[in-house]
Amino acid sequence: QVQLVESGGGLVQAGESLTLSCAASGLLFNINAFAWYRQAPGRQREFVASVRVNRDTDYASSVKGRFTITRDNDRRSVYLQMTNLKPEDTGLYYCKVYWQNYWGTGTQVTVSS
């Protein structure tokens, strides 16, 4: 079955950086697009970034210029490099197969001010 396993979350101070990883299995990685979503306490899950098969990317306006999504087909992994983190970036970050309803279980990112 499809499995997405996120890692790399943690507690950082505002202005610092983190890189999240998502390891995928059980699907044809090279032909799928992937995305990162996040959910803050008391708020709805929201789109963060996506990367397509041709490596085209898309970002939420709130993270554009600070976050970078990449994919490594050889490692079957998707990454989210997050710089200049802000307290409002705090949340549970999920990896998703973009056009299918497969989600990971999330990795927590907490940014203190």
Protein backbone atom coordinates (compact mmCIF):
# COMPACT_ATOMS: atom_id res chain seq x y z
CA GLN A 1 0.00 0.00 0.00
CA VAL A 2 0.99 3.63 -0.37
CA GLN A 3 3.02 5.01 2.51
CA LEU A 4 4.29 8.53 3.05
CA VAL A 5 6.60 9.06 6.01
CA GLU A 6 7.49 12.59 7.05
CA SER A 7 10.47 13.55 9.18
CA GLY A 8 12.58 16.55 10.11
CA GLY A 9 10.20 18.55 12.23
CA GLY A 10 11.23 20.17 15.49
CA LEU A 11 11.30 23.20 17.72
CA VAL A 12 13.18 26.23 16.40
CA GLN A 13 13.34 29.94 17.04
CA ALA A 14 11.99 32.54 14.66
CA GLY A 15 14.40 33.21 11.82
CA GLU A 16 15.89 29.73 11.86
CA SER A 17 15.58 27.00 9.23
CA LEU A 18 14.35 23.42 8.96
CA THR A 19 14.18 20.87 6.19
CA LEU A 20 11.36 18.35 6.12
CA SER A 21 11.57 15.04 4.28
CA CYS A 22 8.88 12.76 2.92
CA ALA A 23 9.78 9.21 1.93
CA ALA A 24 7.26 7.55 -0.38
CA SER A 25 6.66 3.86 -1.08
CA GLY A 26 4.01 1.70 -2.68
CA LEU A 27 3.49 3.89 -5.74
CA LEU A 28 5.19 4.87 -8.98
CA PHE A 29 7.07 7.84 -7.59
CA ASN A 30 8.33 9.30 -10.87
CA ILE A 31 4.86 9.82 -12.35
CA ASN A 32 3.28 11.49 -9.35
CA ALA A 33 3.16 15.05 -8.13
CA PHE A 34 3.50 15.71 -4.42
CA ALA A 35 2.55 18.45 -2.02
CA TRP A 36 3.05 19.67 1.51
CA TYR A 37 0.16 20.85 3.64
CA ARG A 38 0.07 22.11 7.21
CA GLN A 39 -2.46 22.44 9.98
CA ALA A 40 -2.15 24.81 12.90
CA PRO A 41 -4.11 24.21 16.12
CA GLY A 42 -7.72 25.28 15.68
CA ARG A 43 -7.32 25.95 11.98
CA GLN A 44 -8.08 24.08 8.79
CA ARG A 45 -5.40 22.22 6.90
CA GLU A 46 -3.87 24.46 4.24
CA PHE A 47 -1.77 24.05 1.13
CA VAL A 48 1.91 24.95 1.45
CA ALA A 49 3.71 23.84 -1.71
CA SER A 50 3.64 21.35 -4.57
CA VAL A 51 6.10 19.86 -7.03
CA ARG A 52 5.07 18.24 -10.31
CA VAL A 53 6.63 15.50 -12.38
CA ASN A 54 8.44 18.09 -14.51
CA ARG A 55 9.64 19.76 -11.26
CA ASP A 56 7.41 22.80 -11.68
CA THR A 57 6.55 24.16 -8.26
CA ASP A 58 3.78 26.17 -6.66
CA TYR A 59 3.67 27.89 -3.28
CA ALA A 60 1.19 29.46 -0.93
CA SER A 61 1.67 33.20 -0.86
CA SER A 62 2.51 33.07 2.85
CA VAL A 63 5.63 30.96 2.25
CA LYS A 64 6.77 32.09 -1.19
CA GLY A 65 10.38 33.20 -1.10
CA ARG A 66 11.05 31.41 2.20
CA PHE A 67 10.20 27.76 1.45
CA THR A 68 11.53 25.55 -1.34
CA ILE A 69 10.03 22.21 -2.36
CA THR A 70 12.17 19.69 -4.22
CA ARG A 71 11.99 16.05 -5.22
CA ASP A 72 14.60 13.31 -5.57
CA ASN A 73 13.28 10.54 -7.79
CA ASP A 74 16.22 8.25 -7.04
CA ARG A 75 15.54 8.46 -3.31
CA ARG A 76 11.75 8.49 -3.77
CA SER A 77 11.63 11.52 -1.52
CA VAL A 78 10.20 15.01 -1.42
CA TYR A 79 11.74 17.80 0.65
CA LEU A 80 10.59 21.12 2.04
CA GLN A 81 13.36 23.55 2.90
CA MET A 82 12.02 26.21 5.23
CA THR A 83 14.00 29.36 5.97
CA ASN A 84 13.30 32.48 7.98
CA LEU A 85 10.67 30.60 9.94
CA LYS A 86 7.96 32.58 11.71
CA PRO A 87 5.74 31.66 14.67
CA GLU A 88 2.77 31.51 12.27
CA ASP A 89 4.53 28.63 10.45
CA THR A 90 3.88 26.45 13.50
CA GLY A 91 1.79 23.39 12.73
CA LEU A 92 1.66 19.75 11.76
CA TYR A 93 3.14 19.36 8.29
CA TYR A 94 1.78 16.65 6.02
CA CYS A 95 3.06 15.15 2.79
CA LYS A 96 0.44 14.24 0.17
CA VAL A 97 0.30 12.60 -3.24
CA TYR A 98 -1.05 15.65 -5.02
CA TRP A 99 -3.75 14.16 -7.24
CA GLN A 100 -4.68 11.26 -4.96
CA ASN A 101 -5.95 11.05 -1.42
CA TYR A 102 -2.81 9.62 0.17
CA TRP A 103 -1.42 11.43 3.20
CA GLY A 104 1.37 10.91 5.65
CA THR A 105 0.82 11.16 9.40
CA GLY A 106 2.65 14.47 9.73
CA THR A 107 5.67 15.97 11.41
CA GLN A 108 5.39 18.79 13.95
CA VAL A 109 7.05 22.14 13.39
CA THR A 110 7.05 24.63 16.25
CA VAL A 111 8.52 28.09 15.85
CA SER A 112 9.01 30.15 18.99
CA SER A 113 9.19 33.93 18.95
